[in-house]
């Protein structure tokens, strides 16, 4: 388990394909899920494992919340650093065509897997 030098907070957000929102809109573009709050939750991250666990747990919660929303076939759960908005991790879920149940498409992606163990620094620009 890789422990981070500084603890930070991520906010989880859910996006869905915009063609599901606009009845055939722009394929490949994703937008905020209208059935859920803009920020689903906030999690304190102290290690790489914390980030993966948060993505797994929140993904399962979203799958249960969207069970009755038939129009959605995909969703992505994003974990963004609260201070910088930098992407810390994500995971994608799809609705099984055979069963109609949500299944996790792949393993969660985390910035930790690429050696980024703390949020990127925020740059201030002088006007």
N, C-alpha and C. Protein backbone atom coordinates (compact mmCIF):
# COMPACT_ATOMS: atom_id res chain seq x y z
N UNK A 1 0.84 -1.18 0.00
CA UNK A 1 0.00 0.00 0.00
C UNK A 1 0.88 1.23 0.00
N UNK A 2 0.67 2.09 -0.98
CA UNK A 2 1.41 3.34 -1.06
C UNK A 2 0.65 4.40 -0.27
N UNK A 3 1.33 4.97 0.72
CA UNK A 3 0.73 6.03 1.52
C UNK A 3 1.13 7.36 0.92
N UNK A 4 0.19 8.27 0.85
CA UNK A 4 0.46 9.59 0.28
C UNK A 4 1.12 10.49 1.31
N UNK A 5 1.99 11.39 0.83
CA UNK A 5 2.64 12.33 1.73
C UNK A 5 1.64 13.27 2.37
N UNK A 6 0.67 13.69 1.60
CA UNK A 6 -0.37 14.58 2.11
C UNK A 6 -1.72 13.96 1.80
N UNK A 7 -2.59 13.99 2.78
CA UNK A 7 -3.95 13.50 2.52
C UNK A 7 -4.67 14.58 1.70
N UNK A 8 -5.59 14.15 0.85
CA UNK A 8 -6.40 15.09 0.08
C UNK A 8 -7.80 14.54 -0.06
N UNK A 9 -8.70 15.33 -0.56
CA UNK A 9 -10.10 14.92 -0.72
C UNK A 9 -10.46 14.90 -2.19
N UNK A 10 -11.22 13.87 -2.56
CA UNK A 10 -11.75 13.80 -3.92
C UNK A 10 -13.27 13.89 -3.84
N UNK A 11 -13.84 14.46 -4.88
CA UNK A 11 -15.29 14.49 -5.04
C UNK A 11 -15.64 13.54 -6.16
N UNK A 12 -16.66 12.71 -5.93
CA UNK A 12 -17.09 11.79 -6.97
C UNK A 12 -18.25 12.40 -7.74
N UNK A 13 -18.21 12.23 -9.04
CA UNK A 13 -19.23 12.76 -9.95
C UNK A 13 -19.58 11.69 -10.96
N UNK A 14 -20.80 11.73 -11.47
CA UNK A 14 -21.25 10.73 -12.43
C UNK A 14 -21.58 11.41 -13.75
N UNK A 15 -21.04 10.85 -14.83
CA UNK A 15 -21.36 11.34 -16.17
C UNK A 15 -21.93 10.19 -16.99
N UNK A 16 -22.75 10.55 -17.97
CA UNK A 16 -23.37 9.58 -18.88
C UNK A 16 -23.20 10.09 -20.31
N UNK A 17 -23.29 9.19 -21.30
CA UNK A 17 -23.17 9.64 -22.70
C UNK A 17 -24.26 10.65 -23.03
N UNK A 18 -23.88 11.72 -23.71
CA UNK A 18 -24.85 12.76 -24.01
C UNK A 18 -25.92 12.29 -25.00
N UNK A 19 -25.63 11.27 -25.82
CA UNK A 19 -26.67 10.79 -26.74
C UNK A 19 -27.82 10.14 -25.96
N UNK A 20 -27.57 9.71 -24.73
CA UNK A 20 -28.66 9.21 -23.88
C UNK A 20 -29.47 10.35 -23.30
N UNK A 21 -28.85 11.51 -23.19
CA UNK A 21 -29.54 12.68 -22.62
C UNK A 21 -30.34 13.43 -23.68
N UNK A 22 -29.83 13.47 -24.92
CA UNK A 22 -30.42 14.30 -25.98
C UNK A 22 -31.16 13.50 -27.03
N UNK A 23 -31.52 12.26 -26.75
CA UNK A 23 -32.19 11.42 -27.74
C UNK A 23 -31.40 11.36 -29.05
N UNK A 24 -30.18 10.88 -28.97
CA UNK A 24 -29.38 10.71 -30.18
C UNK A 24 -28.43 11.86 -30.43
N UNK A 25 -28.08 12.62 -29.41
CA UNK A 25 -27.17 13.77 -29.56
C UNK A 25 -25.78 13.34 -29.97
N UNK A 26 -24.82 14.08 -29.54
CA UNK A 26 -23.43 13.92 -29.94
C UNK A 26 -22.81 12.64 -29.37
N UNK A 27 -22.53 11.67 -30.23
CA UNK A 27 -21.91 10.41 -29.80
C UNK A 27 -20.48 10.69 -29.32
N UNK A 28 -20.07 10.06 -28.24
CA UNK A 28 -18.70 10.23 -27.74
C UNK A 28 -18.55 11.37 -26.75
N UNK A 29 -19.60 12.17 -26.56
CA UNK A 29 -19.54 13.27 -25.60
C UNK A 29 -20.32 12.84 -24.36
N UNK A 30 -19.79 13.17 -23.20
CA UNK A 30 -20.41 12.78 -21.94
C UNK A 30 -20.83 14.03 -21.17
N UNK A 31 -21.89 13.89 -20.38
CA UNK A 31 -22.37 15.02 -19.58
C UNK A 31 -22.85 14.56 -18.22
N UNK A 32 -23.10 15.51 -17.37
CA UNK A 32 -23.55 15.25 -16.01
C UNK A 32 -24.85 14.45 -16.01
N UNK A 33 -24.95 13.49 -15.13
CA UNK A 33 -26.15 12.66 -15.00
C UNK A 33 -27.24 13.48 -14.31
N UNK A 34 -28.36 13.74 -14.99
CA UNK A 34 -29.39 14.61 -14.42
C UNK A 34 -30.14 14.00 -13.23
N UNK A 35 -30.11 12.69 -13.07
CA UNK A 35 -30.82 12.04 -11.98
C UNK A 35 -30.07 12.07 -10.66
N UNK A 36 -28.80 12.48 -10.68
CA UNK A 36 -27.96 12.45 -9.48
C UNK A 36 -27.41 13.84 -9.19
N UNK A 37 -27.02 14.10 -7.95
CA UNK A 37 -26.40 15.40 -7.63
C UNK A 37 -25.11 15.59 -8.41
N UNK A 38 -24.74 16.85 -8.66
CA UNK A 38 -23.50 17.14 -9.39
C UNK A 38 -22.30 16.52 -8.68
N UNK A 39 -22.25 16.63 -7.36
CA UNK A 39 -21.21 15.98 -6.57
C UNK A 39 -21.90 14.88 -5.77
N UNK A 40 -21.55 13.64 -6.09
CA UNK A 40 -22.18 12.50 -5.43
C UNK A 40 -21.68 12.35 -4.00
N UNK A 41 -20.38 12.51 -3.80
CA UNK A 41 -19.81 12.36 -2.47
C UNK A 41 -18.42 12.94 -2.40
N UNK A 42 -17.87 12.94 -1.19
CA UNK A 42 -16.52 13.43 -0.98
C UNK A 42 -15.81 12.43 -0.07
N UNK A 43 -14.58 12.09 -0.44
CA UNK A 43 -13.84 11.06 0.27
C UNK A 43 -12.44 11.56 0.59
N UNK A 44 -11.98 11.27 1.80
CA UNK A 44 -10.61 11.60 2.20
C UNK A 44 -9.69 10.49 1.70
N UNK A 45 -8.63 10.85 1.00
CA UNK A 45 -7.69 9.89 0.42
C UNK A 45 -6.35 10.02 1.14
N UNK A 46 -5.90 8.89 1.69
CA UNK A 46 -4.60 8.85 2.37
C UNK A 46 -3.64 7.87 1.69
N UNK A 47 -4.20 6.99 0.84
CA UNK A 47 -3.36 6.00 0.16
C UNK A 47 -3.98 5.64 -1.19
N UNK A 48 -3.22 4.98 -2.01
CA UNK A 48 -3.72 4.54 -3.31
C UNK A 48 -4.89 3.57 -3.14
N UNK A 49 -4.82 2.72 -2.13
CA UNK A 49 -5.91 1.79 -1.88
C UNK A 49 -7.21 2.52 -1.55
N UNK A 50 -7.12 3.62 -0.80
CA UNK A 50 -8.31 4.41 -0.47
C UNK A 50 -9.05 4.84 -1.74
N UNK A 51 -8.29 5.25 -2.74
CA UNK A 51 -8.89 5.74 -3.98
C UNK A 51 -9.60 4.61 -4.72
N UNK A 52 -8.97 3.46 -4.83
CA UNK A 52 -9.61 2.32 -5.50
C UNK A 52 -10.86 1.85 -4.76
N UNK A 53 -10.79 1.80 -3.45
CA UNK A 53 -11.94 1.38 -2.65
C UNK A 53 -13.10 2.37 -2.82
N UNK A 54 -12.79 3.65 -2.82
CA UNK A 54 -13.83 4.67 -2.98
C UNK A 54 -14.52 4.53 -4.34
N UNK A 55 -13.75 4.29 -5.40
CA UNK A 55 -14.34 4.12 -6.72
C UNK A 55 -15.22 2.88 -6.78
N UNK A 56 -14.76 1.79 -6.20
CA UNK A 56 -15.57 0.56 -6.16
C UNK A 56 -16.87 0.79 -5.39
N UNK A 57 -16.77 1.37 -4.21
CA UNK A 57 -17.94 1.55 -3.36
C UNK A 57 -18.95 2.52 -3.98
N UNK A 58 -18.47 3.65 -4.46
CA UNK A 58 -19.39 4.63 -5.04
C UNK A 58 -19.98 4.13 -6.34
N UNK A 59 -19.22 3.35 -7.11
CA UNK A 59 -19.76 2.76 -8.35
C UNK A 59 -20.93 1.85 -8.08
N UNK A 60 -20.80 1.01 -7.06
CA UNK A 60 -21.90 0.13 -6.69
C UNK A 60 -23.13 0.90 -6.23
N UNK A 61 -22.90 1.99 -5.51
CA UNK A 61 -24.01 2.83 -5.06
C UNK A 61 -24.73 3.46 -6.25
N UNK A 62 -23.97 3.98 -7.20
CA UNK A 62 -24.56 4.59 -8.40
C UNK A 62 -25.36 3.55 -9.17
N UNK A 63 -24.83 2.35 -9.31
CA UNK A 63 -25.54 1.28 -10.02
C UNK A 63 -26.91 1.03 -9.38
N UNK A 64 -26.96 1.02 -8.05
CA UNK A 64 -28.24 0.82 -7.37
C UNK A 64 -29.17 2.01 -7.57
N UNK A 65 -28.63 3.23 -7.54
CA UNK A 65 -29.45 4.42 -7.71
C UNK A 65 -30.03 4.52 -9.13
N UNK A 66 -29.27 4.04 -10.11
CA UNK A 66 -29.72 4.14 -11.51
C UNK A 66 -30.43 2.89 -12.00
N UNK A 67 -30.71 1.96 -11.12
CA UNK A 67 -31.35 0.70 -11.50
C UNK A 67 -32.65 0.94 -12.28
N UNK A 68 -33.45 1.90 -11.84
CA UNK A 68 -34.77 2.13 -12.45
C UNK A 68 -34.73 3.11 -13.63
N UNK A 69 -33.58 3.71 -13.90
CA UNK A 69 -33.49 4.69 -14.99
C UNK A 69 -33.11 3.94 -16.26
N UNK A 70 -34.12 3.59 -17.05
CA UNK A 70 -33.92 2.69 -18.20
C UNK A 70 -33.10 3.30 -19.33
N UNK A 71 -33.13 4.63 -19.49
CA UNK A 71 -32.46 5.21 -20.67
C UNK A 71 -30.94 5.11 -20.59
N UNK A 72 -30.37 4.99 -19.40
CA UNK A 72 -28.91 4.95 -19.29
C UNK A 72 -28.40 3.52 -19.47
N UNK A 73 -27.41 3.40 -20.34
CA UNK A 73 -26.77 2.10 -20.59
C UNK A 73 -25.32 2.09 -20.12
N UNK A 74 -24.76 3.28 -19.85
CA UNK A 74 -23.37 3.44 -19.43
C UNK A 74 -23.32 4.54 -18.38
N UNK A 75 -22.35 4.48 -17.50
CA UNK A 75 -22.00 5.64 -16.70
C UNK A 75 -20.54 5.56 -16.32
N UNK A 76 -19.96 6.72 -16.12
CA UNK A 76 -18.59 6.82 -15.62
C UNK A 76 -18.63 7.53 -14.28
N UNK A 77 -17.90 6.99 -13.35
CA UNK A 77 -17.74 7.62 -12.05
C UNK A 77 -16.35 8.25 -12.04
N UNK A 78 -16.29 9.55 -11.82
CA UNK A 78 -15.02 10.28 -11.79
C UNK A 78 -14.71 10.69 -10.37
N UNK A 79 -13.45 10.60 -9.99
CA UNK A 79 -12.97 11.11 -8.71
C UNK A 79 -12.03 12.27 -9.03
N UNK A 80 -12.46 13.48 -8.67
CA UNK A 80 -11.66 14.69 -8.95
C UNK A 80 -11.19 15.31 -7.65
N UNK A 81 -9.95 15.77 -7.66
CA UNK A 81 -9.42 16.45 -6.49
C UNK A 81 -10.29 17.68 -6.18
N UNK A 82 -10.68 17.81 -4.93
CA UNK A 82 -11.59 18.89 -4.53
C UNK A 82 -10.96 20.27 -4.78
N UNK A 83 -9.67 20.42 -4.55
CA UNK A 83 -9.03 21.72 -4.67
C UNK A 83 -8.67 22.09 -6.11
N UNK A 84 -8.15 21.13 -6.88
CA UNK A 84 -7.64 21.45 -8.22
C UNK A 84 -8.54 21.00 -9.36
N UNK A 85 -9.55 20.15 -9.06
CA UNK A 85 -10.42 19.55 -10.08
C UNK A 85 -9.67 18.54 -10.95
N UNK A 86 -8.41 18.23 -10.62
CA UNK A 86 -7.65 17.25 -11.37
C UNK A 86 -8.24 15.86 -11.23
N UNK A 87 -8.20 15.08 -12.30
CA UNK A 87 -8.76 13.74 -12.28
C UNK A 87 -7.82 12.81 -11.51
N UNK A 88 -8.34 12.22 -10.44
CA UNK A 88 -7.55 11.30 -9.61
C UNK A 88 -7.86 9.85 -9.95
N UNK A 89 -9.07 9.59 -10.48
CA UNK A 89 -9.44 8.23 -10.81
C UNK A 89 -10.79 8.17 -11.50
N UNK A 90 -11.08 7.03 -12.10
CA UNK A 90 -12.38 6.83 -12.76
C UNK A 90 -12.65 5.35 -12.94
N UNK A 91 -13.91 5.04 -13.16
CA UNK A 91 -14.32 3.68 -13.47
C UNK A 91 -15.59 3.76 -14.32
N UNK A 92 -15.75 2.82 -15.23
CA UNK A 92 -16.91 2.81 -16.12
C UNK A 92 -17.76 1.58 -15.86
N UNK A 93 -19.07 1.77 -15.90
CA UNK A 93 -20.03 0.68 -15.71
C UNK A 93 -20.95 0.63 -16.92
N UNK A 94 -21.41 -0.59 -17.27
CA UNK A 94 -22.37 -0.75 -18.35
C UNK A 94 -23.54 -1.60 -17.86
N UNK A 95 -24.66 -1.43 -18.53
CA UNK A 95 -25.83 -2.26 -18.21
C UNK A 95 -25.77 -3.49 -19.11
N UNK A 96 -25.81 -4.66 -18.50
CA UNK A 96 -25.74 -5.91 -19.25
C UNK A 96 -26.98 -6.04 -20.14
N UNK A 97 -26.82 -6.25 -21.46
CA UNK A 97 -27.98 -6.42 -22.34
C UNK A 97 -28.77 -7.70 -22.02
N UNK A 98 -28.08 -8.70 -21.47
CA UNK A 98 -28.75 -9.96 -21.17
C UNK A 98 -29.60 -9.88 -19.91
N UNK A 99 -29.05 -9.26 -18.85
CA UNK A 99 -29.74 -9.27 -17.56
C UNK A 99 -30.33 -7.92 -17.16
N UNK A 100 -29.85 -6.84 -17.77
CA UNK A 100 -30.30 -5.51 -17.38
C UNK A 100 -29.62 -5.00 -16.12
N UNK A 101 -28.71 -5.79 -15.55
CA UNK A 101 -28.00 -5.38 -14.34
C UNK A 101 -26.74 -4.60 -14.70
N UNK A 102 -26.34 -3.71 -13.81
CA UNK A 102 -25.11 -2.95 -14.00
C UNK A 102 -23.90 -3.81 -13.66
N UNK A 103 -22.87 -3.76 -14.51
CA UNK A 103 -21.61 -4.45 -14.25
C UNK A 103 -20.46 -3.49 -14.48
N UNK A 104 -19.44 -3.62 -13.66
CA UNK A 104 -18.26 -2.78 -13.81
C UNK A 104 -17.52 -3.22 -15.07
N UNK A 105 -17.25 -2.29 -15.97
CA UNK A 105 -16.64 -2.60 -17.26
C UNK A 105 -15.18 -3.02 -17.12
N UNK A 106 -14.44 -2.34 -16.24
CA UNK A 106 -13.03 -2.64 -16.08
C UNK A 106 -12.61 -2.27 -14.67
N UNK A 107 -11.34 -2.46 -14.38
CA UNK A 107 -10.81 -2.07 -13.08
C UNK A 107 -10.78 -0.55 -13.00
N UNK A 108 -10.93 0.01 -11.81
CA UNK A 108 -10.81 1.46 -11.69
C UNK A 108 -9.44 1.94 -12.15
N UNK A 109 -9.44 3.06 -12.85
CA UNK A 109 -8.19 3.73 -13.24
C UNK A 109 -7.87 4.74 -12.15
N UNK A 110 -6.62 4.77 -11.70
CA UNK A 110 -6.21 5.79 -10.73
C UNK A 110 -4.90 6.42 -11.17
N UNK A 111 -4.74 7.68 -10.81
CA UNK A 111 -3.48 8.37 -11.11
C UNK A 111 -2.33 7.73 -10.35
N UNK A 112 -2.64 7.09 -9.22
CA UNK A 112 -1.61 6.38 -8.44
C UNK A 112 -0.87 5.35 -9.28
N UNK A 113 -1.59 4.69 -10.16
CA UNK A 113 -0.97 3.65 -11.00
C UNK A 113 0.11 4.24 -11.90
N UNK A 114 0.11 5.57 -12.06
CA UNK A 114 1.09 6.24 -12.91
C UNK A 114 2.04 7.10 -12.09
N UNK A 115 2.11 6.82 -10.78
CA UNK A 115 3.08 7.50 -9.93
C UNK A 115 2.64 8.83 -9.38
N UNK A 116 1.40 9.24 -9.61
CA UNK A 116 0.93 10.52 -9.09
C UNK A 116 0.22 10.25 -7.76
N UNK A 117 0.90 10.51 -6.66
CA UNK A 117 0.38 10.17 -5.35
C UNK A 117 -0.11 11.38 -4.55
N UNK A 118 -0.24 12.48 -5.19
CA UNK A 118 -0.84 13.65 -4.57
C UNK A 118 -1.40 14.53 -5.68
N UNK A 119 -2.32 15.40 -5.36
CA UNK A 119 -2.94 16.23 -6.41
C UNK A 119 -1.91 17.13 -7.08
N UNK A 120 -2.16 17.42 -8.33
CA UNK A 120 -1.29 18.33 -9.07
C UNK A 120 -1.37 19.72 -8.45
N UNK A 121 -0.29 20.46 -8.49
CA UNK A 121 -0.27 21.81 -7.94
C UNK A 121 -1.12 22.75 -8.78
N UNK A 122 -1.73 23.68 -8.11
CA UNK A 122 -2.54 24.69 -8.81
C UNK A 122 -1.63 25.84 -9.20
N UNK A 123 -1.73 26.29 -10.42
CA UNK A 123 -0.91 27.42 -10.88
C UNK A 123 -1.71 28.70 -10.79
N UNK A 124 -1.12 29.74 -10.26
CA UNK A 124 -1.74 31.05 -10.22
C UNK A 124 -1.08 31.91 -11.28
N UNK A 125 -1.88 32.52 -12.11
CA UNK A 125 -1.36 33.36 -13.17
C UNK A 125 -1.66 34.81 -12.86
N UNK A 126 -0.67 35.66 -13.01
CA UNK A 126 -0.89 37.10 -12.79
C UNK A 126 -1.57 37.68 -14.02
N UNK A 127 -2.53 38.52 -13.79
CA UNK A 127 -3.25 39.12 -14.91
C UNK A 127 -2.49 40.29 -15.48
